[in-house]
């Protein structure tokens, strides 16, 4: 985790340096003004760390205010960078073309201020829209035919939520929206494929009660994502249990001979000391019964494909803020949506139901996924 933090913070600091240089080129301010702006950039840079410190000391109210400000800034500075770099590349192409064609360039092509303002206004507008999009939870419906449902069961409805990240930013209002949608679907089973909670969960009072309102016929099941480990195994398990979920940790369960639900812990490099392999867990259930495999990260072991019918994953958030999707896809080629990985095996990767960091989504709306398992 420390190496990830060092890399992330270094890149985030580089973003601030880039935007500061762009600001200086646009306004040509003096030393005193530049010092004030540089200090403001430093404050924004360290805001996420300040939020965590305030959470630890129990100052939830001020931590939430600073958290919103810091994470909104994080989103805006990333979008500004993407737009500004795109503009710079386009300007370079135009300059090269005009030079080859021996055509006089328009004066605006050299105006750093004009292009800075275009990038700034666009980043603010996209952030405002993204705040709205992050709250517009979509219901995605996937139909799956199988010959493995027992006699008398023609249809089974499973709802997947993933990466809700309940904590300082995502609290009762967005969770109430999610709960109401699930209740309107009236599924047979609800599963959470990790990161139900955020890294800090000392602000979750009352949220387990909201989740407990969801009472599907065959129960609710959850697995450990990486953020459950960040928050602490014991407190994460306690919250998940209080919310009415059965936590599956290297565990398989068969529900009334209708469906197998198999769950494993997140398999990132911080928590690899598991004594039971995925194969050992999957081999505990009958292959004649439809098997749902809950695995937080969308990583598939191809030698296990014959042991499950449907793998449900999350973790990627679908990139959350476009075009971050393409960066995410480097590590996780299956970034969102459904992926047939065998003759009768499907992997589905959720875009996530909540947000991590900035309460923003852009061109990657949050989702609640409904799987209709139907008799072939």
Protein backbone atom coordinates (compact mmCIF):
# COMPACT_ATOMS: atom_id res chain seq x y z
CA UNK A 1 0.00 0.00 0.00
CA UNK A 2 2.83 2.43 0.79
CA UNK A 3 4.36 2.04 -2.71
CA UNK A 4 0.97 2.70 -4.31
CA UNK A 5 0.56 5.80 -2.16
CA UNK A 6 4.03 7.10 -3.09
CA UNK A 7 3.36 6.64 -6.81
CA UNK A 8 -0.12 8.17 -6.60
CA UNK A 9 1.04 11.15 -4.54
CA UNK A 10 4.01 11.76 -6.87
CA UNK A 11 1.75 11.81 -9.92
CA UNK A 12 -0.75 14.04 -8.12
CA UNK A 13 2.06 16.47 -7.20
CA UNK A 14 3.21 16.46 -10.85
CA UNK A 15 -0.33 17.41 -11.92
CA UNK A 16 -0.23 20.40 -9.58
CA UNK A 17 3.15 21.47 -10.96
CA UNK A 18 1.83 21.25 -14.52
CA UNK A 19 -1.28 23.30 -13.76
CA UNK A 20 0.77 25.87 -11.83
CA UNK A 21 3.06 26.35 -14.85
CA UNK A 22 0.03 26.68 -17.13
CA UNK A 23 -1.42 29.29 -14.77
CA UNK A 24 1.82 31.27 -14.73
CA UNK A 25 2.08 31.16 -18.54
CA UNK A 26 -1.50 32.40 -18.86
CA UNK A 27 -1.39 35.29 -16.37
CA UNK A 28 2.34 36.12 -16.11
CA UNK A 29 1.99 37.00 -12.42
CA UNK A 30 4.86 38.29 -10.30
CA UNK A 31 6.78 36.64 -7.48
CA UNK A 32 4.45 37.67 -4.64
CA UNK A 33 1.29 36.57 -6.46
CA UNK A 34 3.01 33.40 -7.57
CA UNK A 35 3.94 32.58 -3.98
CA UNK A 36 0.32 32.94 -2.86
CA UNK A 37 -0.92 30.73 -5.72
CA UNK A 38 1.82 28.16 -5.07
CA UNK A 39 0.79 28.01 -1.40
CA UNK A 40 -2.86 27.51 -2.42
CA UNK A 41 -1.80 24.65 -4.70
CA UNK A 42 0.14 23.06 -1.84
CA UNK A 43 -2.90 23.25 0.42
CA UNK A 44 -5.03 21.56 -2.26
CA UNK A 45 -2.35 18.92 -2.77
CA UNK A 46 -2.38 17.90 0.90
CA UNK A 47 -6.16 18.16 1.42
CA UNK A 48 -6.81 14.39 1.12
CA UNK A 49 -4.20 13.72 3.83
CA UNK A 50 -5.73 16.40 6.04
CA UNK A 51 -9.16 14.78 5.64
CA UNK A 52 -7.89 11.42 6.89
CA UNK A 53 -6.18 13.10 9.86
CA UNK A 54 -9.38 14.94 10.82
CA UNK A 55 -11.38 11.71 10.54
CA UNK A 56 -9.01 9.95 12.93
CA UNK A 57 -9.39 12.74 15.48
CA UNK A 58 -13.20 12.70 15.30
CA UNK A 59 -13.76 16.01 13.44
CA UNK A 60 -16.22 14.51 10.99
CA UNK A 61 -18.03 17.72 10.01
CA UNK A 62 -14.99 19.73 8.97
CA UNK A 63 -13.43 16.61 7.43
CA UNK A 64 -16.46 16.21 5.16
CA UNK A 65 -16.32 19.86 4.03
CA UNK A 66 -12.61 19.69 3.28
CA UNK A 67 -13.09 16.26 1.73
CA UNK A 68 -15.66 17.54 -0.75
CA UNK A 69 -13.46 20.53 -1.62
CA UNK A 70 -10.30 18.45 -1.95
CA UNK A 71 -11.85 15.68 -4.00
CA UNK A 72 -13.68 18.11 -6.30
CA UNK A 73 -10.34 19.82 -6.87
CA UNK A 74 -8.74 16.43 -7.56
CA UNK A 75 -11.31 15.81 -10.30
CA UNK A 76 -11.00 19.29 -11.82
CA UNK A 77 -7.21 19.24 -11.95
CA UNK A 78 -7.22 15.83 -13.68
CA UNK A 79 -9.77 16.95 -16.27
CA UNK A 80 -7.92 20.25 -16.76
CA UNK A 81 -4.73 18.29 -17.44
CA UNK A 82 -6.42 16.01 -20.00
CA UNK A 83 -8.07 18.92 -21.85
CA UNK A 84 -4.98 21.12 -21.71
CA UNK A 85 -2.68 18.38 -23.05
CA UNK A 86 -5.20 17.62 -25.82
CA UNK A 87 -5.28 21.31 -26.76
CA UNK A 88 -1.47 21.53 -26.76
CA UNK A 89 -1.20 18.53 -29.08
CA UNK A 90 -3.84 20.01 -31.38
CA UNK A 91 -2.05 23.39 -31.40
CA UNK A 92 1.22 21.69 -32.29
CA UNK A 93 -0.43 19.85 -35.19
CA UNK A 94 -1.98 23.08 -36.46
CA UNK A 95 1.33 24.94 -36.24
CA UNK A 96 3.10 22.17 -38.16
CA UNK A 97 0.39 22.08 -40.83
CA UNK A 98 0.33 25.86 -41.27
CA UNK A 99 4.13 25.93 -41.46
CA UNK A 100 4.18 23.27 -44.20
CA UNK A 101 1.35 25.01 -46.06
CA UNK A 102 3.08 28.40 -45.54
CA UNK A 103 -0.11 29.98 -44.18
CA UNK A 104 -0.10 32.71 -41.54
CA UNK A 105 -1.23 31.48 -38.15
CA UNK A 106 -4.14 33.25 -36.38
CA UNK A 107 -3.03 35.25 -33.33
CA UNK A 108 -5.19 33.23 -30.94
CA UNK A 109 -3.10 30.10 -31.55
CA UNK A 110 -0.34 31.67 -29.44
CA UNK A 111 -2.61 32.90 -26.63
CA UNK A 112 -1.88 30.90 -23.47
CA UNK A 113 -4.62 32.79 -21.63
CA UNK A 114 -7.37 31.84 -24.09
CA UNK A 115 -6.54 28.14 -23.98
CA UNK A 116 -6.09 28.21 -20.21
CA UNK A 117 -9.59 29.67 -19.82
CA UNK A 118 -11.06 27.11 -22.22
CA UNK A 119 -9.51 24.27 -20.19
CA UNK A 120 -10.56 25.81 -16.87
CA UNK A 121 -14.19 26.44 -17.89
CA UNK A 122 -14.50 22.98 -19.45
CA UNK A 123 -13.06 21.24 -16.37
CA UNK A 124 -15.46 23.10 -14.06
CA UNK A 125 -18.43 22.25 -16.31
CA UNK A 126 -17.47 18.56 -16.56
CA UNK A 127 -16.98 18.33 -12.79
CA UNK A 128 -20.44 19.83 -12.20
CA UNK A 129 -21.99 17.39 -14.65
CA UNK A 130 -20.00 14.51 -13.16
CA UNK A 131 -21.38 15.27 -9.70
CA UNK A 132 -24.89 14.78 -11.12
CA UNK A 133 -23.92 11.65 -13.06
CA UNK A 134 -22.47 10.03 -9.93
CA UNK A 135 -25.95 10.15 -8.38
CA UNK A 136 -27.82 8.84 -11.43
CA UNK A 137 -27.56 5.13 -10.62
CA UNK A 138 -28.45 2.97 -13.61
CA UNK A 139 -30.00 -0.47 -13.52
CA UNK A 140 -28.23 -2.82 -15.92
CA UNK A 141 -30.06 -6.04 -16.79
CA UNK A 142 -28.28 -9.17 -17.98
CA UNK A 143 -30.14 -12.32 -19.07
CA UNK A 144 -28.41 -15.69 -18.76
CA UNK A 145 -29.87 -19.00 -19.93
CA UNK A 146 -28.80 -22.21 -18.22
CA UNK A 147 -29.87 -25.82 -18.02
CA UNK A 148 -28.68 -26.04 -14.41
CA UNK A 149 -31.74 -24.65 -12.62
CA UNK A 150 -33.61 -27.40 -10.75
CA UNK A 151 -37.19 -28.45 -11.61
CA UNK A 152 -39.74 -25.88 -10.48
CA UNK A 153 -37.30 -22.95 -10.68
CA UNK A 154 -37.61 -21.21 -14.04
CA UNK A 155 -36.01 -17.89 -13.10
CA UNK A 156 -33.62 -16.60 -10.45
CA UNK A 157 -32.93 -12.88 -9.97
CA UNK A 158 -29.57 -11.84 -8.53
CA UNK A 159 -28.68 -8.20 -7.84
CA UNK A 160 -25.03 -7.14 -7.69
CA UNK A 161 -23.75 -4.02 -5.98
CA UNK A 162 -20.05 -3.25 -5.89
CA UNK A 163 -17.65 -0.55 -4.72
CA UNK A 164 -20.26 1.43 -2.80
CA UNK A 165 -17.48 2.93 -0.63
CA UNK A 166 -19.64 3.93 2.32
CA UNK A 167 -17.79 6.44 4.46
CA UNK A 168 -17.21 10.13 4.85
CA UNK A 169 -18.44 11.15 1.38
CA UNK A 170 -20.90 8.38 0.49
CA UNK A 171 -23.40 8.20 3.32
CA UNK A 172 -27.14 7.92 3.92
CA UNK A 173 -28.52 9.89 0.95
CA UNK A 174 -26.83 7.92 -1.86
CA UNK A 175 -27.30 4.67 0.07
CA UNK A 176 -31.04 5.34 0.47
CA UNK A 177 -31.25 5.68 -3.32
CA UNK A 178 -29.50 2.33 -3.79
CA UNK A 179 -31.67 0.58 -1.21
CA UNK A 180 -34.88 1.89 -2.79
CA UNK A 181 -33.82 0.66 -6.24
CA UNK A 182 -32.99 -2.82 -4.93
CA UNK A 183 -36.29 -3.03 -3.05
CA UNK A 184 -38.19 -2.10 -6.22
CA UNK A 185 -36.46 -4.94 -8.10
CA UNK A 186 -37.37 -7.47 -5.37
CA UNK A 187 -34.51 -9.88 -6.17
CA UNK A 188 -34.04 -13.41 -4.92
CA UNK A 189 -30.40 -12.80 -3.94
CA UNK A 190 -28.22 -9.71 -3.36
CA UNK A 191 -24.43 -9.84 -3.57
CA UNK A 192 -21.79 -7.23 -2.79
CA UNK A 193 -18.53 -7.83 -4.67
CA UNK A 194 -16.25 -5.87 -2.34
CA UNK A 195 -15.51 -2.33 -1.16
CA UNK A 196 -18.90 -1.94 0.46
CA UNK A 197 -17.07 0.30 2.92
CA UNK A 198 -14.30 2.83 2.37
CA UNK A 199 -10.87 2.85 4.01
CA UNK A 200 -12.21 4.76 7.04
CA UNK A 201 -15.55 3.59 8.44
CA UNK A 202 -15.84 5.42 11.74
CA UNK A 203 -18.59 7.56 10.15
CA UNK A 204 -21.03 4.76 9.27
CA UNK A 205 -23.47 5.09 12.15
CA UNK A 206 -26.95 4.03 11.05
CA UNK A 207 -25.98 2.91 7.54
CA UNK A 208 -26.14 -0.79 8.35
CA UNK A 209 -29.80 -0.29 9.29
CA UNK A 210 -30.58 1.05 5.81
CA UNK A 211 -29.00 -1.98 4.16
CA UNK A 212 -30.88 -4.28 6.51
CA UNK A 213 -34.13 -3.11 4.90
CA UNK A 214 -33.22 -5.24 1.88
CA UNK A 215 -34.47 -8.78 2.57
CA UNK A 216 -34.24 -11.00 -0.52
CA UNK A 217 -35.77 -14.47 -0.43
CA UNK A 218 -32.47 -16.36 -0.49
CA UNK A 219 -30.27 -13.92 1.40
CA UNK A 220 -27.45 -11.40 0.92
CA UNK A 221 -23.79 -12.30 0.44
CA UNK A 222 -20.59 -10.24 0.43
CA UNK A 223 -16.86 -10.59 -0.03
CA UNK A 224 -13.83 -8.67 1.15
CA UNK A 225 -12.50 -6.03 -1.24
CA UNK A 226 -9.21 -4.20 -0.76
CA UNK A 227 -10.92 -1.35 1.12
CA UNK A 228 -12.37 -3.76 3.69
CA UNK A 229 -8.78 -4.67 4.49
CA UNK A 230 -7.78 -0.99 4.68
CA UNK A 231 -10.60 -0.32 7.13
CA UNK A 232 -9.75 -3.39 9.18
CA UNK A 233 -10.97 -6.96 8.85
CA UNK A 234 -12.87 -7.10 12.13
CA UNK A 235 -14.73 -3.81 11.81
CA UNK A 236 -15.53 -4.50 8.14
CA UNK A 237 -16.92 -7.93 8.97
CA UNK A 238 -18.94 -6.49 11.86
CA UNK A 239 -20.50 -3.79 9.68
CA UNK A 240 -21.26 -6.22 6.86
CA UNK A 241 -22.88 -8.67 9.27
CA UNK A 242 -24.94 -5.91 10.91
CA UNK A 243 -26.14 -4.93 7.42
CA UNK A 244 -27.54 -8.44 7.01
CA UNK A 245 -24.90 -9.91 4.68
CA UNK A 246 -23.20 -13.27 5.07
CA UNK A 247 -19.49 -12.68 4.47
CA UNK A 248 -17.98 -15.37 2.26
CA UNK A 249 -14.26 -15.62 2.90
CA UNK A 250 -12.86 -18.58 0.96
CA UNK A 251 -16.27 -20.11 1.46
CA UNK A 252 -18.91 -21.74 -0.72
CA UNK A 253 -22.60 -22.07 0.04
CA UNK A 254 -25.37 -23.94 -1.77
CA UNK A 255 -28.79 -22.30 -1.46
CA UNK A 256 -31.64 -24.84 -1.41
CA UNK A 257 -29.99 -26.82 -4.25
CA UNK A 258 -30.84 -23.90 -6.56
CA UNK A 259 -27.56 -22.00 -6.85
CA UNK A 260 -24.02 -22.07 -5.50
CA UNK A 261 -22.48 -18.82 -4.23
CA UNK A 262 -18.69 -18.93 -3.84
CA UNK A 263 -16.75 -16.00 -2.39
CA UNK A 264 -13.06 -15.24 -1.94
CA UNK A 265 -11.09 -12.38 -0.42
CA UNK A 266 -9.51 -9.71 -2.59
CA UNK A 267 -6.35 -11.16 -4.13
CA UNK A 268 -4.14 -8.06 -4.24
CA UNK A 269 -0.48 -8.27 -3.28
CA UNK A 270 -1.07 -7.05 0.30
CA UNK A 271 -3.16 -10.06 1.27
CA UNK A 272 -1.77 -13.12 -0.45
CA UNK A 273 -1.23 -15.27 2.60
CA UNK A 274 -4.44 -17.23 2.13
CA UNK A 275 -4.32 -20.87 3.15
CA UNK A 276 -7.11 -21.97 0.77
CA UNK A 277 -6.87 -21.52 -3.01
CA UNK A 278 -9.74 -20.46 -5.29
CA UNK A 279 -9.75 -23.95 -6.81
CA UNK A 280 -10.16 -25.62 -3.42
CA UNK A 281 -13.16 -23.41 -2.62
CA UNK A 282 -14.81 -23.87 -6.01
CA UNK A 283 -14.35 -27.64 -5.94
CA UNK A 284 -16.50 -27.86 -2.81
CA UNK A 285 -19.73 -27.29 -4.77
CA UNK A 286 -21.55 -29.41 -7.33
CA UNK A 287 -21.00 -28.55 -10.99
CA UNK A 288 -24.59 -29.63 -11.71
CA UNK A 289 -25.83 -26.52 -9.91
CA UNK A 290 -25.42 -23.01 -11.36
CA UNK A 291 -22.36 -21.48 -9.67
CA UNK A 292 -21.80 -17.76 -9.06
CA UNK A 293 -18.20 -16.85 -8.19
CA UNK A 294 -17.70 -13.58 -6.28
CA UNK A 295 -14.21 -12.14 -6.81
CA UNK A 296 -13.44 -8.47 -6.25
CA UNK A 297 -10.81 -7.97 -8.94
CA UNK A 298 -11.68 -8.89 -12.54
CA UNK A 299 -8.90 -11.43 -12.87
CA UNK A 300 -9.69 -14.83 -14.35
CA UNK A 301 -7.74 -18.04 -13.81
CA UNK A 302 -8.49 -19.90 -17.04
CA UNK A 303 -7.79 -23.30 -15.54
CA UNK A 304 -10.79 -22.72 -13.23
CA UNK A 305 -13.37 -21.92 -15.93
CA UNK A 306 -15.00 -25.34 -15.73
CA UNK A 307 -15.72 -24.77 -12.03
CA UNK A 308 -18.12 -21.79 -12.25
CA UNK A 309 -20.74 -20.33 -14.60
CA UNK A 310 -20.71 -16.64 -13.70
CA UNK A 311 -17.94 -14.56 -12.11
CA UNK A 312 -19.02 -11.22 -10.63
CA UNK A 313 -16.31 -8.63 -10.04
CA UNK A 314 -15.81 -4.90 -9.53
CA UNK A 315 -12.83 -2.84 -8.34
CA UNK A 316 -12.20 -0.92 -11.59
CA UNK A 317 -15.13 1.55 -11.31
CA UNK A 318 -15.03 1.41 -15.12
CA UNK A 319 -12.37 4.11 -14.79
CA UNK A 320 -14.90 6.37 -12.97
CA UNK A 321 -13.76 9.56 -14.74
CA UNK A 322 -13.19 9.35 -18.49
CA UNK A 323 -10.58 8.92 -19.95
CA UNK A 324 -9.08 7.27 -16.83
CA UNK A 325 -10.74 4.11 -18.14
CA UNK A 326 -7.81 3.55 -20.51
CA UNK A 327 -5.28 3.80 -17.69
CA UNK A 328 -7.30 1.30 -15.64
CA UNK A 329 -7.47 -1.01 -18.64
CA UNK A 330 -3.70 -1.42 -18.62
CA UNK A 331 -3.94 -3.35 -15.33
CA UNK A 332 -7.42 -4.80 -15.86
CA UNK A 333 -8.28 -5.47 -19.51
CA UNK A 334 -11.79 -6.49 -18.42
CA UNK A 335 -12.64 -3.01 -17.19
CA UNK A 336 -16.47 -3.06 -17.26
CA UNK A 337 -19.36 -5.01 -18.74
CA UNK A 338 -19.70 -8.66 -19.71
CA UNK A 339 -16.96 -10.89 -21.06
CA UNK A 340 -17.57 -14.46 -22.29
CA UNK A 341 -14.45 -16.38 -21.24
CA UNK A 342 -15.49 -19.92 -22.09
CA UNK A 343 -18.17 -21.93 -23.83
CA UNK A 344 -20.60 -21.49 -20.95
CA UNK A 345 -18.79 -19.09 -18.62
CA UNK A 346 -19.35 -15.36 -18.26
CA UNK A 347 -17.43 -12.69 -16.33
CA UNK A 348 -19.27 -9.49 -15.46
CA UNK A 349 -17.37 -6.45 -14.19
CA UNK A 350 -19.46 -3.79 -12.49
CA UNK A 351 -18.73 -0.09 -13.01
CA UNK A 352 -19.43 0.24 -9.31
CA UNK A 353 -22.38 1.60 -7.37
CA UNK A 354 -20.58 4.42 -5.56
CA UNK A 355 -17.44 6.49 -5.99
CA UNK A 356 -13.95 6.49 -4.56
CA UNK A 357 -12.25 9.82 -3.84
CA UNK A 358 -14.05 12.48 -5.90
CA UNK A 359 -17.86 12.06 -5.70
CA UNK A 360 -17.75 12.39 -9.48
CA UNK A 361 -18.33 10.15 -12.46
CA UNK A 362 -17.91 11.21 -16.08
CA UNK A 363 -19.18 9.01 -18.93
CA UNK A 364 -19.08 6.08 -16.49
CA UNK A 365 -22.41 6.08 -14.61
CA UNK A 366 -22.80 4.02 -11.42
CA UNK A 367 -24.77 0.83 -11.67
CA UNK A 368 -26.84 -1.78 -9.91
CA UNK A 369 -26.73 -4.95 -11.97
CA UNK A 370 -29.66 -7.35 -12.26
CA UNK A 371 -28.97 -10.88 -13.48
CA UNK A 372 -31.96 -12.91 -14.65
CA UNK A 373 -30.87 -16.55 -14.57
CA UNK A 374 -33.42 -18.36 -16.75
CA UNK A 375 -34.06 -22.01 -17.54
CA UNK A 376 -32.83 -22.86 -21.04
